[in-house]
Protein backbone atom coordinates (compact mmCIF):
# COMPACT_ATOMS: atom_id res chain seq x y z
CA MET A 1 46.35 70.65 -163.64
CA PRO A 2 43.14 72.57 -162.86
CA ALA A 3 42.45 73.11 -159.15
CA LYS A 4 40.45 70.24 -157.68
CA LEU A 5 38.92 69.09 -154.41
CA ILE A 6 39.90 65.60 -153.27
CA VAL A 7 38.46 63.97 -150.15
CA ILE A 8 40.14 61.07 -148.36
CA CYS A 9 37.91 59.60 -145.67
CA GLY A 10 37.24 56.42 -143.74
CA ALA A 11 37.56 54.92 -140.29
CA THR A 12 40.31 55.75 -137.85
CA ALA A 13 43.66 53.95 -138.27
CA THR A 14 43.13 53.08 -141.94
CA GLY A 15 46.03 55.24 -143.17
CA LYS A 16 44.20 58.36 -144.37
CA SER A 17 46.78 60.94 -143.26
CA ASP A 18 49.76 59.27 -144.94
CA LEU A 19 47.85 58.79 -148.17
CA ALA A 20 46.70 62.42 -148.16
CA VAL A 21 50.30 63.61 -147.82
CA ALA A 22 51.36 61.37 -150.72
CA VAL A 23 48.52 62.63 -152.92
CA ALA A 24 49.18 66.28 -152.10
CA LYS A 25 52.87 65.83 -152.80
CA GLU A 26 52.19 64.30 -156.22
CA ILE A 27 49.70 66.94 -157.38
CA GLY A 28 51.17 69.98 -155.62
CA GLY A 29 48.14 70.33 -153.35
CA GLU A 30 47.52 71.44 -149.78
CA ILE A 31 45.75 69.53 -147.02
CA VAL A 32 42.62 70.59 -145.11
CA ASN A 33 41.89 68.75 -141.87
CA ALA A 34 38.44 67.19 -141.37
CA ASP A 35 39.07 65.58 -137.98
CA SER A 36 37.03 67.39 -135.33
CA MET A 37 39.57 66.78 -132.56
CA GLN A 38 42.68 67.73 -134.52
CA LEU A 39 41.27 71.25 -134.55
CA TYR A 40 42.41 71.57 -130.92
CA LYS A 41 45.82 72.89 -129.92
CA GLY A 42 47.88 70.41 -127.95
CA MET A 43 45.69 67.40 -128.75
CA ASP A 44 48.43 65.68 -130.71
CA ILE A 45 49.20 62.20 -129.44
CA GLY A 46 45.61 61.16 -128.75
CA THR A 47 44.38 62.30 -132.17
CA ALA A 48 47.31 60.79 -134.11
CA LYS A 49 48.11 64.23 -135.52
CA LEU A 50 51.00 64.06 -137.99
CA SER A 51 54.25 65.59 -136.77
CA ILE A 52 55.87 68.39 -138.76
CA GLU A 53 58.33 65.86 -140.19
CA GLU A 54 55.54 63.48 -141.22
CA ARG A 55 53.81 66.28 -143.14
CA LYS A 56 56.78 66.30 -145.55
CA GLY A 57 56.58 70.00 -146.27
CA ILE A 58 52.94 69.90 -147.38
CA PRO A 59 50.92 72.80 -145.94
CA HIS A 60 48.26 71.55 -143.51
CA HIS A 61 45.28 73.76 -142.68
CA LEU A 62 42.69 73.72 -139.85
CA LEU A 63 44.99 72.05 -137.38
CA ASP A 64 45.47 73.65 -133.94
CA GLU A 65 42.73 76.21 -134.58
CA VAL A 66 41.15 76.45 -131.12
CA LYS A 67 42.05 76.04 -127.46
CA VAL A 68 40.83 73.01 -125.52
CA ASN A 69 38.55 75.14 -123.36
CA GLU A 70 36.61 76.30 -126.43
CA ASP A 71 33.73 74.53 -128.15
CA VAL A 72 33.12 74.60 -131.90
CA THR A 73 30.09 73.91 -134.07
CA VAL A 74 29.61 72.18 -137.40
CA SER A 75 28.40 75.45 -138.94
CA TRP A 76 31.58 77.21 -137.77
CA TYR A 77 33.69 74.45 -139.30
CA GLN A 78 31.69 74.57 -142.53
CA GLU A 79 32.39 78.28 -142.94
CA ILE A 80 36.13 78.17 -142.30
CA ALA A 81 36.72 74.94 -144.22
CA ARG A 82 34.92 76.13 -147.34
CA ALA A 83 36.72 79.47 -147.17
CA LYS A 84 40.08 77.71 -146.94
CA ILE A 85 39.30 75.39 -149.85
CA ASP A 86 38.21 78.35 -151.98
CA GLU A 87 41.40 80.20 -151.05
CA ILE A 88 43.60 77.23 -151.98
CA ASN A 89 41.76 76.74 -155.28
CA SER A 90 42.01 80.47 -156.05
CA ARG A 91 45.80 80.03 -156.11
CA GLY A 92 45.42 77.32 -158.76
CA LEU A 93 46.14 74.52 -156.29
CA SER A 94 44.12 71.46 -155.35
CA ALA A 95 42.78 70.96 -151.82
CA VAL A 96 43.00 67.51 -150.23
CA VAL A 97 40.47 67.16 -147.42
CA VAL A 98 41.34 64.35 -145.03
CA GLY A 99 39.62 63.06 -141.92
CA GLY A 100 37.15 60.72 -140.34
CA THR A 101 34.54 63.16 -139.03
CA GLY A 102 31.76 62.37 -141.46
CA LEU A 103 29.51 65.25 -140.52
CA TYR A 104 32.34 67.73 -141.14
CA ILE A 105 32.97 66.33 -144.60
CA LYS A 106 29.25 66.49 -145.36
CA ALA A 107 29.22 70.08 -144.15
CA ILE A 108 31.93 70.94 -146.68
CA LEU A 109 30.32 69.18 -149.61
CA ASP A 110 26.59 69.57 -149.06
CA GLU A 111 24.16 72.41 -148.38
CA LEU A 112 23.28 71.64 -144.79
CA VAL A 113 20.91 73.88 -142.87
CA PHE A 114 21.73 74.81 -139.28
CA PRO A 115 18.68 76.10 -137.37
CA GLU A 116 19.13 78.79 -134.77
CA THR A 117 19.28 77.65 -131.17
CA ASP A 118 16.32 78.00 -128.81
CA PRO A 119 17.60 78.68 -125.27
CA ILE A 120 14.46 77.31 -123.61
CA VAL A 121 14.51 74.05 -125.56
CA ARG A 122 18.27 73.74 -125.12
CA GLN A 123 18.03 74.19 -121.34
CA LYS A 124 15.20 71.68 -121.03
CA ILE A 125 17.20 69.00 -122.87
CA THR A 126 20.36 69.89 -120.94
CA ASP A 127 18.49 69.41 -117.67
CA GLU A 128 17.23 66.03 -118.89
CA ALA A 129 20.78 65.01 -119.82
CA GLU A 130 22.06 65.87 -116.36
CA LYS A 131 19.27 63.82 -114.81
CA LEU A 132 19.22 60.80 -117.15
CA GLY A 133 22.87 60.61 -118.29
CA ASN A 134 24.68 60.37 -121.61
CA ASP A 135 23.61 56.82 -122.47
CA ALA A 136 19.89 57.55 -122.17
CA MET A 137 20.14 60.72 -124.26
CA HIS A 138 22.15 58.96 -126.97
CA GLN A 139 19.60 56.14 -127.05
CA ARG A 140 16.85 58.72 -127.53
CA LEU A 141 18.80 60.25 -130.42
CA ALA A 142 19.30 56.80 -131.97
CA LYS A 143 15.51 56.28 -132.01
CA LEU A 144 14.75 59.71 -133.46
CA ASP A 145 17.65 59.96 -135.91
CA PRO A 146 19.83 56.84 -136.31
CA ALA A 147 22.17 58.59 -138.76
CA ALA A 148 22.91 61.36 -136.25
CA ALA A 149 23.60 58.78 -133.55
CA LEU A 150 26.15 57.17 -135.87
CA ALA A 151 27.90 60.49 -136.40
CA ILE A 152 27.88 61.70 -132.80
CA PRO A 153 29.51 59.58 -130.07
CA LYS A 154 27.60 59.28 -126.81
CA GLU A 155 30.55 60.80 -124.96
CA ASN A 156 29.96 64.11 -126.74
CA VAL A 157 26.83 65.01 -124.83
CA ARG A 158 26.94 68.64 -126.04
CA ARG A 159 26.45 67.56 -129.66
CA VAL A 160 23.84 64.97 -128.66
CA ILE A 161 21.90 67.76 -126.94
CA ARG A 162 22.23 69.99 -130.00
CA ALA A 163 20.92 67.26 -132.30
CA LEU A 164 17.95 66.64 -130.02
CA GLU A 165 17.32 70.39 -129.87
CA VAL A 166 17.23 70.66 -133.67
CA ILE A 167 14.85 67.70 -133.87
CA GLU A 168 12.48 69.32 -131.37
CA ILE A 169 12.65 72.76 -133.02
CA THR A 170 12.22 71.59 -136.62
CA GLY A 171 10.23 68.40 -136.18
CA GLN A 172 12.70 66.74 -138.53
CA PRO A 173 15.77 64.52 -138.02
CA PHE A 174 19.00 66.40 -137.36
CA THR A 175 20.40 64.83 -140.54
CA ALA A 176 17.28 65.51 -142.63
CA THR A 177 19.23 67.71 -145.03
CA LEU A 178 22.00 65.15 -145.64
CA PRO A 179 22.70 65.07 -148.64
CA ARG A 180 20.73 65.60 -151.84
CA LYS A 181 22.52 64.93 -155.07
CA ASP A 182 21.49 68.35 -156.39
CA SER A 183 22.63 70.26 -153.30
CA THR A 184 26.36 69.72 -153.26
CA ARG A 185 28.63 72.75 -152.90
CA PHE A 186 31.48 71.04 -154.78
CA PRO A 187 29.86 68.87 -157.47
CA ASN A 188 33.21 67.83 -158.96
CA ALA A 189 34.79 66.72 -155.70
CA LEU A 190 36.49 63.31 -155.82
CA GLN A 191 35.94 61.17 -152.73
CA PHE A 192 38.08 58.17 -151.83
CA GLY A 193 37.35 56.00 -148.80
CA LEU A 194 39.77 53.64 -147.09
CA VAL A 195 38.33 50.37 -145.88
CA MET A 196 39.97 47.55 -143.95
CA GLU A 197 39.00 44.08 -142.77
CA ARG A 198 37.59 44.35 -139.26
CA GLN A 199 40.05 42.10 -137.43
CA THR A 200 43.01 43.81 -139.09
CA LEU A 201 41.63 47.24 -138.21
CA ASP A 202 41.02 46.20 -134.60
CA THR A 203 44.63 45.04 -134.34
CA ARG A 204 45.85 48.34 -135.79
CA ILE A 205 43.70 50.30 -133.34
CA ASP A 206 45.00 48.33 -130.35
CA ALA A 207 48.58 48.91 -131.51
CA ARG A 208 47.92 52.62 -132.02
CA VAL A 209 46.53 53.01 -128.50
CA GLU A 210 49.56 51.21 -127.05
CA LYS A 211 51.86 53.47 -129.07
CA MET A 212 50.01 56.56 -127.82
CA TRP A 213 50.56 55.55 -124.23
CA GLN A 214 54.24 54.91 -124.88
CA ALA A 215 54.52 58.33 -126.55
CA GLY A 216 53.33 60.11 -123.40
CA PHE A 217 49.57 60.36 -123.87
CA VAL A 218 48.93 60.60 -120.12
CA ASP A 219 51.40 63.47 -119.81
CA GLU A 220 49.73 65.22 -122.75
CA VAL A 221 46.35 65.08 -121.02
CA GLU A 222 47.84 66.36 -117.77
CA THR A 223 49.27 69.35 -119.64
CA LEU A 224 45.93 70.00 -121.34
CA ILE A 225 44.09 69.85 -118.02
CA ASN A 226 46.34 72.68 -116.87
CA ASP A 227 45.48 74.49 -120.13
CA GLY A 228 41.74 74.31 -119.43
CA LEU A 229 40.68 70.95 -120.89
CA LEU A 230 38.02 70.46 -118.21
CA GLU A 231 36.46 73.82 -119.06
CA GLY A 232 35.52 72.74 -122.59
CA LYS A 233 32.81 70.17 -123.21
CA THR A 234 33.93 68.96 -126.64
CA ALA A 235 37.66 68.39 -126.18
CA GLN A 236 37.40 66.55 -122.86
CA ALA A 237 34.86 64.16 -124.42
CA ALA A 238 37.35 62.98 -127.04
CA ILE A 239 38.16 59.27 -126.97
CA GLY A 240 41.23 58.61 -124.85
CA TYR A 241 41.18 62.05 -123.28
CA ALA A 242 37.89 61.26 -121.53
CA GLN A 243 39.28 57.98 -120.21
CA ILE A 244 42.47 59.56 -118.87
CA VAL A 245 40.45 62.34 -117.22
CA ARG A 246 38.36 59.67 -115.49
CA MET A 247 41.58 57.95 -114.45
CA LYS A 248 42.84 61.22 -112.97
CA HIS A 249 39.58 61.50 -111.04
CA GLY A 250 40.08 58.02 -109.59
CA GLU A 251 37.20 56.45 -111.53
CA MET A 252 39.40 53.81 -113.22
CA ASN A 253 42.98 52.62 -113.14
CA GLU A 254 45.43 53.14 -115.98
CA ALA A 255 45.08 49.63 -117.41
CA LEU A 256 41.32 50.03 -117.62
CA ALA A 257 41.69 53.52 -119.13
CA LYS A 258 43.89 52.11 -121.89
CA GLU A 259 41.58 49.14 -122.48
CA ASP A 260 38.49 51.36 -122.58
CA THR A 261 40.19 53.76 -125.01
CA ALA A 262 40.86 50.89 -127.42
CA ARG A 263 37.30 49.58 -127.03
CA ALA A 264 35.75 53.01 -127.61
CA THR A 265 37.99 53.57 -130.64
CA ARG A 266 36.92 50.24 -132.17
CA GLN A 267 33.27 51.20 -131.65
CA TYR A 268 33.89 54.60 -133.19
CA ALA A 269 35.48 52.97 -136.23
CA ARG A 270 32.31 50.88 -136.72
CA ARG A 271 30.18 54.05 -136.66
CA GLN A 272 32.51 55.72 -139.15
CA GLU A 273 32.27 52.75 -141.51
CA THR A 274 28.48 52.79 -141.35
CA TRP A 275 28.30 56.56 -141.89
CA PHE A 276 30.58 56.66 -144.92
CA SER A 277 29.03 53.53 -146.46
CA ARG A 278 25.83 55.54 -147.00
CA ASP A 279 27.52 57.93 -149.44
CA GLU A 280 27.43 56.50 -152.97
CA ARG A 281 29.87 59.15 -154.20
CA ILE A 282 32.82 57.52 -152.41
CA SER A 283 35.22 55.24 -154.32
CA TRP A 284 36.56 52.62 -151.93
CA LEU A 285 40.16 51.43 -151.63
CA ASN A 286 41.10 48.14 -150.01
CA PRO A 287 44.15 47.70 -147.72
CA ALA A 288 47.38 48.28 -149.59
CA PRO A 289 50.67 50.16 -149.24
CA VAL A 290 50.47 53.91 -149.81
CA SER A 291 52.22 53.55 -153.17
CA ASP A 292 49.61 51.08 -154.42
CA ARG A 293 46.70 53.24 -153.27
CA LEU A 294 48.36 56.24 -154.88
CA ALA A 295 48.64 54.36 -158.17
CA ILE A 296 44.86 53.89 -158.14
CA ILE A 297 43.96 57.42 -157.07
CA LEU A 298 46.25 59.48 -159.29
CA PRO A 299 44.84 58.42 -162.69
CA ALA A 300 41.33 59.22 -161.46
CA ILE A 301 42.43 62.66 -160.24
CA LEU A 302 44.29 63.48 -163.43
CA LYS A 303 41.40 62.31 -165.60
CA ALA A 304 38.75 64.32 -163.75
């Protein structure tokens, strides 16, 4: 089979990772991560990163790339993800991109433009964020660029600031270059999205959060704090990690931290659904066992 690019996307807890492994196993492909938080070393339980056993021998790329005290950019991800996909395809193998970070998937597929930073503008907006708070800055972004606000959670103030900086520098929405049909980097990419009824997804999210706590999520965060989690702006803003950090600082008890993690995850899933629903290139799959979803996907991949 000629080398292909397959994308499996959708909201959190819809079963993307397991399906990606099944697809890669069937077509002899390799997996490329498109979850912005699975890039971080040690962020395993809270990001639902597959264990070595769950990967079933399929090579996984762009996992555990950076330390938790480091911050990454979309342009950095775009460069390394495209290079990895090209390298996989050059060996005659298909790449299966999987994840729920919509902006990262867009960065792979489409010709996005990333303006240079302006230190003066950046500092001015940073000062405003420190004075007004995350909520106010995210609300400003939502007014100026609703699509960017969908893609960037309010907890990630660094990315909110960057989006506002780009808007001020260019006079255009941060997502103004997303995407034109004639600007795709991989025109033959096949995109499959997983969708699930809202109540069912909420139940799955609540169960996942409970399972994370039982698996030692709090201990994982404690270890990462010792590894420099509080020194990086992006990693410590991740859902669940941010709540446990606040718990450690005495700002909430453990029950509230768990409850708020589930609530924030449900909200994030809504934003993911809205983001991906805008892309007409995605073929949607309803809830079903992995084998049933695979039976739908494989003929399309083989035919392409």
